[in-house]
């Protein structure tokens, strides 16, 4: 199928190898292949009908029509937005584990719950536990609010105890009361790619490793999210935040490379897609240390994740007394960031692009 599409004028995606794109002037036709299923669309009237005719000449196909259900995802399309949910899948999950009549929970996990290995706890059937975790992990495709709690429970699949099972059942009870939750995608948006990251320092009771979290927006729409335990033990909150910010920055640049395949900004240069990263951190008071941290974040990004375009990138981290930080990566053609009255320290680094690091701090309120 791949060779057939390539022979008919489609180009394979540079990052996503199952994405095929055909351009005609300002219009684009996209086909996304998942094994033997295909999702396709176009900005040009009649282009999708031409794609169907081309495919039916070589393959036996059954047309389902407008996308409403795909791989467990329910899709509701209007002229203003798209709503993606897994309500049907969630109802099946409740029936599968016999919790359809259970009392609903208001939150996926208690704020006072501290899960651990619980070596003295009562063992349970690991097959049942792993099945519940696997089902919930797939539900996180459209439910970012349960990502953290499911990830915490997933750490104990090797030797689950009764306390872990109770935590998983609470998540499912929460899902029971929020079956109609999902992801809403608006057509009224922009081309800015923004990431938010934070970390829960030394939260793991067994090895004291921190948990990184992040969410990523394309314009006004949430498109990706993560919650992952860090590989190393951080000796301070600053170190844990540094690791989380680096992971978030890598993810953002990878997503930017992927957007170039879709031509997220038709008719403009690929670099016109703005990228920024926002990080809630407790940053060091010394601005020179702050600049060094941001330089290390960029310098340690794998080469494969860097933007393959030689343009200047400006990184501006802000520190303030309320422990909120912000760093923005953008193109030099964008409007300049409004200056903040503060002490500024600048340093030049010789990376794949000219990078200017500006660290600004405001006096702390006493």
Protein backbone atom coordinates (compact mmCIF):
# COMPACT_ATOMS: atom_id res chain seq x y z
CA UNK A 1 0.00 0.00 0.00
CA UNK A 2 2.85 2.39 0.82
CA UNK A 3 4.49 1.89 -2.57
CA UNK A 4 1.14 2.31 -4.31
CA UNK A 5 0.50 5.68 -2.65
CA UNK A 6 4.04 6.86 -3.40
CA UNK A 7 3.57 5.95 -7.08
CA UNK A 8 0.45 8.15 -7.21
CA UNK A 9 2.11 11.35 -6.06
CA UNK A 10 1.97 11.00 -2.28
CA UNK A 11 5.00 11.72 -0.09
CA UNK A 12 5.80 9.82 3.09
CA UNK A 13 6.01 11.83 6.32
CA UNK A 14 9.48 12.60 7.59
CA UNK A 15 8.67 11.77 11.25
CA UNK A 16 5.51 9.66 10.97
CA UNK A 17 6.24 6.99 8.36
CA UNK A 18 2.59 5.95 8.05
CA UNK A 19 1.54 9.48 7.06
CA UNK A 20 1.17 10.20 3.33
CA UNK A 21 0.70 13.71 1.95
CA UNK A 22 -0.11 15.00 -1.52
CA UNK A 23 0.06 18.73 -2.25
CA UNK A 24 -1.69 20.59 -5.02
CA UNK A 25 -0.99 24.31 -4.90
CA UNK A 26 -2.28 25.62 -1.58
CA UNK A 27 -4.31 22.46 -0.95
CA UNK A 28 -3.19 19.29 0.77
CA UNK A 29 -4.59 15.75 0.94
CA UNK A 30 -3.57 13.58 3.89
CA UNK A 31 -3.88 9.81 4.35
CA UNK A 32 -3.01 8.19 7.68
CA UNK A 33 -2.63 4.39 7.56
CA UNK A 34 -3.12 2.15 10.60
CA UNK A 35 -2.48 -1.48 9.52
CA UNK A 36 -5.55 -2.08 7.31
CA UNK A 37 -7.48 1.06 8.30
CA UNK A 38 -7.10 4.46 6.64
CA UNK A 39 -8.16 7.93 7.75
CA UNK A 40 -7.98 10.57 5.06
CA UNK A 41 -9.05 14.14 4.43
CA UNK A 42 -8.34 17.13 2.24
CA UNK A 43 -8.65 20.90 2.10
CA UNK A 44 -9.81 20.62 -1.51
CA UNK A 45 -13.33 19.62 -2.51
CA UNK A 46 -13.37 16.34 -4.40
CA UNK A 47 -9.80 15.34 -3.52
CA UNK A 48 -10.97 12.63 -1.12
CA UNK A 49 -13.18 11.11 -3.83
CA UNK A 50 -10.15 10.95 -6.10
CA UNK A 51 -8.18 9.17 -3.37
CA UNK A 52 -10.97 6.61 -2.96
CA UNK A 53 -11.01 5.94 -6.70
CA UNK A 54 -7.24 5.47 -6.76
CA UNK A 55 -7.33 3.03 -3.83
CA UNK A 56 -10.29 1.03 -5.13
CA UNK A 57 -8.47 0.38 -8.39
CA UNK A 58 -5.93 -1.72 -6.49
CA UNK A 59 -7.56 -2.76 -3.19
CA UNK A 60 -10.93 -3.95 -1.97
CA UNK A 61 -12.26 -1.21 0.28
CA UNK A 62 -15.38 -0.63 2.33
CA UNK A 63 -16.25 3.04 2.86
CA UNK A 64 -17.60 3.92 6.30
CA UNK A 65 -18.19 7.61 5.59
CA UNK A 66 -17.45 10.55 7.86
CA UNK A 67 -15.20 9.64 10.77
CA UNK A 68 -17.34 8.91 13.85
CA UNK A 69 -15.61 5.92 15.47
CA UNK A 70 -12.04 4.67 15.18
CA UNK A 71 -10.04 2.27 17.38
CA UNK A 72 -12.29 2.84 20.38
CA UNK A 73 -12.42 6.62 19.90
CA UNK A 74 -15.77 8.31 19.34
CA UNK A 75 -15.53 11.41 17.16
CA UNK A 76 -18.22 14.08 16.97
CA UNK A 77 -17.62 16.71 14.27
CA UNK A 78 -19.29 20.09 13.87
CA UNK A 79 -18.43 23.19 11.86
CA UNK A 80 -16.81 24.77 14.92
CA UNK A 81 -15.09 21.88 16.68
CA UNK A 82 -14.34 18.18 17.11
CA UNK A 83 -15.03 16.24 20.31
CA UNK A 84 -13.13 13.00 20.95
CA UNK A 85 -14.18 10.64 23.74
CA UNK A 86 -14.15 6.96 24.77
CA UNK A 87 -17.54 6.71 26.44
CA UNK A 88 -18.42 3.38 24.86
CA UNK A 89 -15.04 1.92 25.77
CA UNK A 90 -15.33 3.20 29.36
CA UNK A 91 -18.76 1.56 29.78
CA UNK A 92 -17.31 -1.72 28.55
CA UNK A 93 -14.48 -1.37 31.07
CA UNK A 94 -16.98 -1.05 33.94
CA UNK A 95 -18.83 -4.15 32.80
CA UNK A 96 -15.63 -6.13 32.28
CA UNK A 97 -14.50 -5.65 35.88
CA UNK A 98 -17.97 -5.79 37.48
CA UNK A 99 -18.08 -2.20 38.72
CA UNK A 100 -21.10 -0.93 36.78
CA UNK A 101 -23.13 -0.66 40.01
CA UNK A 102 -20.29 0.66 42.19
CA UNK A 103 -20.49 4.04 43.90
CA UNK A 104 -18.87 6.83 41.90
CA UNK A 105 -15.69 8.52 43.13
CA UNK A 106 -15.21 12.28 42.87
CA UNK A 107 -11.46 12.10 42.17
CA UNK A 108 -9.26 9.42 40.57
CA UNK A 109 -6.99 9.20 43.63
CA UNK A 110 -6.99 10.58 47.15
CA UNK A 111 -4.69 13.50 47.90
CA UNK A 112 -3.46 11.65 51.00
CA UNK A 113 -2.74 8.33 49.25
CA UNK A 114 0.96 7.37 49.19
CA UNK A 115 1.33 4.13 47.26
CA UNK A 116 4.31 1.92 48.03
CA UNK A 117 5.34 -1.71 47.50
CA UNK A 118 3.37 -2.63 50.64
CA UNK A 119 5.41 -5.80 51.18
CA UNK A 120 3.29 -6.81 54.17
CA UNK A 121 0.01 -6.38 52.27
CA UNK A 122 -2.29 -9.10 50.97
CA UNK A 123 -1.25 -10.35 47.49
CA UNK A 124 -3.82 -10.37 44.69
CA UNK A 125 -4.14 -11.97 41.25
CA UNK A 126 -1.52 -10.19 39.09
CA UNK A 127 -3.33 -11.15 35.86
CA UNK A 128 -6.47 -9.28 36.91
CA UNK A 129 -4.46 -6.30 38.08
CA UNK A 130 -2.48 -6.05 34.84
CA UNK A 131 -5.66 -6.33 32.81
CA UNK A 132 -7.18 -3.40 34.71
CA UNK A 133 -4.02 -1.31 34.27
CA UNK A 134 -3.85 -2.08 30.56
CA UNK A 135 -7.48 -1.09 30.05
CA UNK A 136 -7.00 2.18 31.94
CA UNK A 137 -3.82 3.03 30.04
CA UNK A 138 -5.72 2.94 26.76
CA UNK A 139 -8.37 5.19 28.30
CA UNK A 140 -5.70 7.87 28.89
CA UNK A 141 -5.72 8.45 25.11
CA UNK A 142 -8.59 10.88 25.69
CA UNK A 143 -8.47 11.31 29.49
CA UNK A 144 -5.35 13.22 30.59
CA UNK A 145 -6.69 13.77 34.11
CA UNK A 146 -6.22 10.09 35.03
CA UNK A 147 -2.70 9.81 33.55
CA UNK A 148 -0.87 10.44 36.84
CA UNK A 149 -2.96 8.08 38.99
CA UNK A 150 -2.89 5.27 36.42
CA UNK A 151 0.87 5.67 36.03
CA UNK A 152 1.37 5.42 39.79
CA UNK A 153 -0.65 2.20 40.00
CA UNK A 154 1.12 0.74 36.95
CA UNK A 155 4.42 0.66 38.87
CA UNK A 156 3.25 -2.28 41.00
CA UNK A 157 2.26 -4.80 38.33
CA UNK A 158 5.04 -7.23 39.26
CA UNK A 159 3.69 -7.93 42.77
CA UNK A 160 0.36 -6.13 43.26
CA UNK A 161 -1.23 -6.01 46.70
CA UNK A 162 -4.75 -5.34 47.92
CA UNK A 163 -3.95 -1.67 48.56
CA UNK A 164 -2.96 -1.26 44.91
CA UNK A 165 -6.18 -2.94 43.74
CA UNK A 166 -8.25 -0.54 45.85
CA UNK A 167 -6.47 2.41 44.22
CA UNK A 168 -7.16 1.05 40.72
CA UNK A 169 -10.83 0.44 41.53
CA UNK A 170 -11.12 4.03 42.74
CA UNK A 171 -9.91 5.23 39.32
CA UNK A 172 -12.52 3.08 37.59
CA UNK A 173 -15.22 4.42 39.94
CA UNK A 174 -14.14 7.92 39.00
CA UNK A 175 -14.43 7.01 35.32
CA UNK A 176 -17.98 5.78 36.00
CA UNK A 177 -19.01 9.26 37.05
CA UNK A 178 -17.26 10.98 34.14
CA UNK A 179 -18.15 8.78 31.17
CA UNK A 180 -18.88 11.74 28.91
CA UNK A 181 -15.49 13.40 29.45
CA UNK A 182 -13.14 13.77 26.49
CA UNK A 183 -10.99 16.14 24.44
CA UNK A 184 -12.56 19.14 22.72
CA UNK A 185 -10.70 20.53 19.70
CA UNK A 186 -11.72 23.97 18.44
CA UNK A 187 -11.35 25.20 14.87
CA UNK A 188 -10.86 28.73 16.20
CA UNK A 189 -7.18 28.44 17.07
CA UNK A 190 -3.67 29.49 16.06
CA UNK A 191 -0.34 27.91 15.12
CA UNK A 192 1.50 28.32 18.42
CA UNK A 193 2.94 25.16 19.95
CA UNK A 194 3.09 25.49 23.74
CA UNK A 195 4.22 23.06 26.42
CA UNK A 196 3.72 23.13 30.21
CA UNK A 197 5.80 21.02 32.58
CA UNK A 198 6.02 20.43 36.31
CA UNK A 199 7.42 17.82 38.67
CA UNK A 200 6.48 16.17 41.95
CA UNK A 201 9.80 15.97 43.78
CA UNK A 202 10.77 12.67 45.45
CA UNK A 203 7.17 11.50 45.53
CA UNK A 204 7.97 7.78 45.20
CA UNK A 205 8.02 6.25 48.68
CA UNK A 206 10.31 3.37 47.66
CA UNK A 207 13.15 4.93 45.68
CA UNK A 208 12.46 8.69 46.13
CA UNK A 209 12.46 9.35 42.40
CA UNK A 210 10.48 12.32 41.12
CA UNK A 211 7.59 12.26 38.65
CA UNK A 212 7.61 14.57 35.63
CA UNK A 213 4.39 15.82 34.10
CA UNK A 214 3.66 17.81 30.98
CA UNK A 215 0.92 18.87 28.57
CA UNK A 216 1.25 20.31 25.10
CA UNK A 217 -1.09 22.65 23.23
CA UNK A 218 -1.30 23.39 19.52
CA UNK A 219 -2.97 26.77 19.59
CA UNK A 220 -5.86 26.53 22.01
CA UNK A 221 -6.13 22.74 21.78
CA UNK A 222 -4.57 20.15 24.06
CA UNK A 223 -2.91 17.56 21.80
CA UNK A 224 -0.47 15.60 24.00
CA UNK A 225 0.32 14.94 27.66
CA UNK A 226 2.66 12.83 29.77
CA UNK A 227 3.36 11.64 33.30
CA UNK A 228 6.54 9.67 33.86
CA UNK A 229 8.82 8.74 36.74
CA UNK A 230 12.31 10.14 36.26
CA UNK A 231 15.19 7.71 35.74
CA UNK A 232 17.48 9.23 38.37
CA UNK A 233 17.12 10.50 41.92
CA UNK A 234 17.13 14.30 42.18
CA UNK A 235 18.79 15.81 45.23
CA UNK A 236 16.83 19.07 44.97
CA UNK A 237 13.64 20.45 43.46
CA UNK A 238 15.73 22.54 41.06
CA UNK A 239 17.39 19.40 39.67
CA UNK A 240 14.04 17.64 39.28
CA UNK A 241 12.55 20.66 37.49
CA UNK A 242 15.62 20.85 35.25
CA UNK A 243 15.11 17.24 34.11
CA UNK A 244 11.38 17.79 33.52
CA UNK A 245 12.00 20.97 31.51
CA UNK A 246 14.58 19.20 29.34
CA UNK A 247 12.17 16.37 28.55
CA UNK A 248 9.42 18.85 27.74
CA UNK A 249 11.71 20.82 25.45
CA UNK A 250 12.73 17.66 23.58
CA UNK A 251 9.09 16.69 23.10
CA UNK A 252 8.18 20.16 21.82
CA UNK A 253 10.92 20.19 19.21
CA UNK A 254 9.96 16.69 18.06
CA UNK A 255 6.35 17.83 17.70
CA UNK A 256 7.50 20.86 15.73
CA UNK A 257 9.38 18.63 13.31
CA UNK A 258 6.23 16.55 12.90
CA UNK A 259 4.13 19.64 12.16
CA UNK A 260 6.41 20.43 9.24
CA UNK A 261 5.09 17.28 7.52
CA UNK A 262 1.54 18.58 7.88
CA UNK A 263 2.61 22.07 6.78
CA UNK A 264 0.98 23.58 9.83
CA UNK A 265 1.48 27.06 8.37
CA UNK A 266 0.46 26.76 4.66
CA UNK A 267 2.12 29.32 2.43
CA UNK A 268 4.72 30.32 5.02
CA UNK A 269 8.14 29.17 6.06
CA UNK A 270 8.23 26.08 8.32
CA UNK A 271 9.93 28.03 11.07
CA UNK A 272 6.95 30.39 11.41
CA UNK A 273 5.34 27.93 13.82
CA UNK A 274 5.96 29.51 17.23
CA UNK A 275 7.18 27.29 20.05
CA UNK A 276 7.24 28.08 23.76
CA UNK A 277 7.73 26.17 26.97
CA UNK A 278 6.29 27.21 30.32
CA UNK A 279 7.66 25.69 33.49
CA UNK A 280 6.51 26.22 37.07
CA UNK A 281 9.82 26.12 38.90
CA UNK A 282 11.64 27.31 41.99
CA UNK A 283 14.58 28.83 40.17
CA UNK A 284 17.98 29.82 41.64
CA UNK A 285 18.35 33.46 42.65
CA UNK A 286 21.66 33.89 40.78
CA UNK A 287 20.77 34.79 37.17
CA UNK A 288 24.06 33.38 35.87
CA UNK A 289 23.16 29.96 37.32
CA UNK A 290 19.74 30.28 35.72
CA UNK A 291 21.24 30.97 32.31
CA UNK A 292 23.59 28.00 32.69
CA UNK A 293 20.69 25.68 33.49
CA UNK A 294 18.77 26.76 30.39
CA UNK A 295 21.87 26.40 28.22
CA UNK A 296 22.38 22.85 29.47
CA UNK A 297 18.75 22.00 28.72
CA UNK A 298 19.13 23.00 25.08
CA UNK A 299 22.65 21.58 24.71
CA UNK A 300 21.57 18.14 25.95
CA UNK A 301 18.68 17.79 23.53
CA UNK A 302 19.47 14.89 21.14
CA UNK A 303 20.49 16.03 17.68
CA UNK A 304 17.60 14.10 16.16
CA UNK A 305 15.14 16.21 18.17
CA UNK A 306 16.57 19.59 17.18
CA UNK A 307 14.90 21.65 14.52
CA UNK A 308 16.67 20.99 11.22
CA UNK A 309 16.74 24.64 10.24
CA UNK A 310 19.52 27.14 10.77
CA UNK A 311 17.67 30.01 12.43
CA UNK A 312 18.36 31.94 15.63
CA UNK A 313 16.38 30.74 18.63
CA UNK A 314 15.80 32.98 21.62
CA UNK A 315 15.34 31.39 25.05
CA UNK A 316 14.06 33.75 27.74
CA UNK A 317 13.53 32.25 31.21
CA UNK A 318 11.73 34.45 33.74
CA UNK A 319 12.11 34.04 37.50
CA UNK A 320 10.00 35.78 40.11
CA UNK A 321 9.36 35.66 43.83
CA UNK A 322 6.18 33.61 43.39
CA UNK A 323 8.21 30.67 41.94
CA UNK A 324 6.63 30.85 38.50
CA UNK A 325 8.87 30.57 35.49
CA UNK A 326 8.50 30.95 31.76
CA UNK A 327 10.82 30.23 28.89
CA UNK A 328 9.94 30.99 25.30
CA UNK A 329 11.51 29.58 22.17
CA UNK A 330 10.50 31.53 19.12
CA UNK A 331 11.69 32.77 15.75
CA UNK A 332 13.38 36.16 15.42
CA UNK A 333 10.63 37.35 13.06
CA UNK A 334 8.07 37.17 15.88
CA UNK A 335 7.20 40.36 17.81
CA UNK A 336 9.74 40.96 20.61
CA UNK A 337 8.84 39.98 24.15
CA UNK A 338 7.97 42.98 26.30
CA UNK A 339 10.95 43.69 28.59
CA UNK A 340 10.57 43.17 32.32
CA UNK A 341 12.44 45.62 34.62
CA UNK A 342 15.07 43.32 36.05
CA UNK A 343 18.72 42.40 36.09
CA UNK A 344 19.66 40.72 32.78
CA UNK A 345 22.60 38.45 32.08
CA UNK A 346 23.40 37.46 28.47
CA UNK A 347 25.70 34.77 27.15
CA UNK A 348 26.31 33.36 23.67
CA UNK A 349 26.64 29.64 22.95
CA UNK A 350 27.80 27.93 19.78
CA UNK A 351 25.07 25.32 19.17
CA UNK A 352 23.33 24.15 15.99
CA UNK A 353 21.78 27.62 15.81
CA UNK A 354 22.65 30.99 17.33
CA UNK A 355 21.13 30.87 20.81
CA UNK A 356 20.82 33.86 23.10
CA UNK A 357 20.08 33.21 26.75
CA UNK A 358 18.59 36.04 28.73
CA UNK A 359 18.02 35.46 32.42
CA UNK A 360 15.98 37.96 34.36
CA UNK A 361 15.20 38.06 38.07
CA UNK A 362 13.07 40.36 40.12
CA UNK A 363 13.84 41.28 43.73
CA UNK A 364 12.08 38.97 46.18
CA UNK A 365 9.49 40.48 48.45
CA UNK A 366 10.46 40.32 52.08
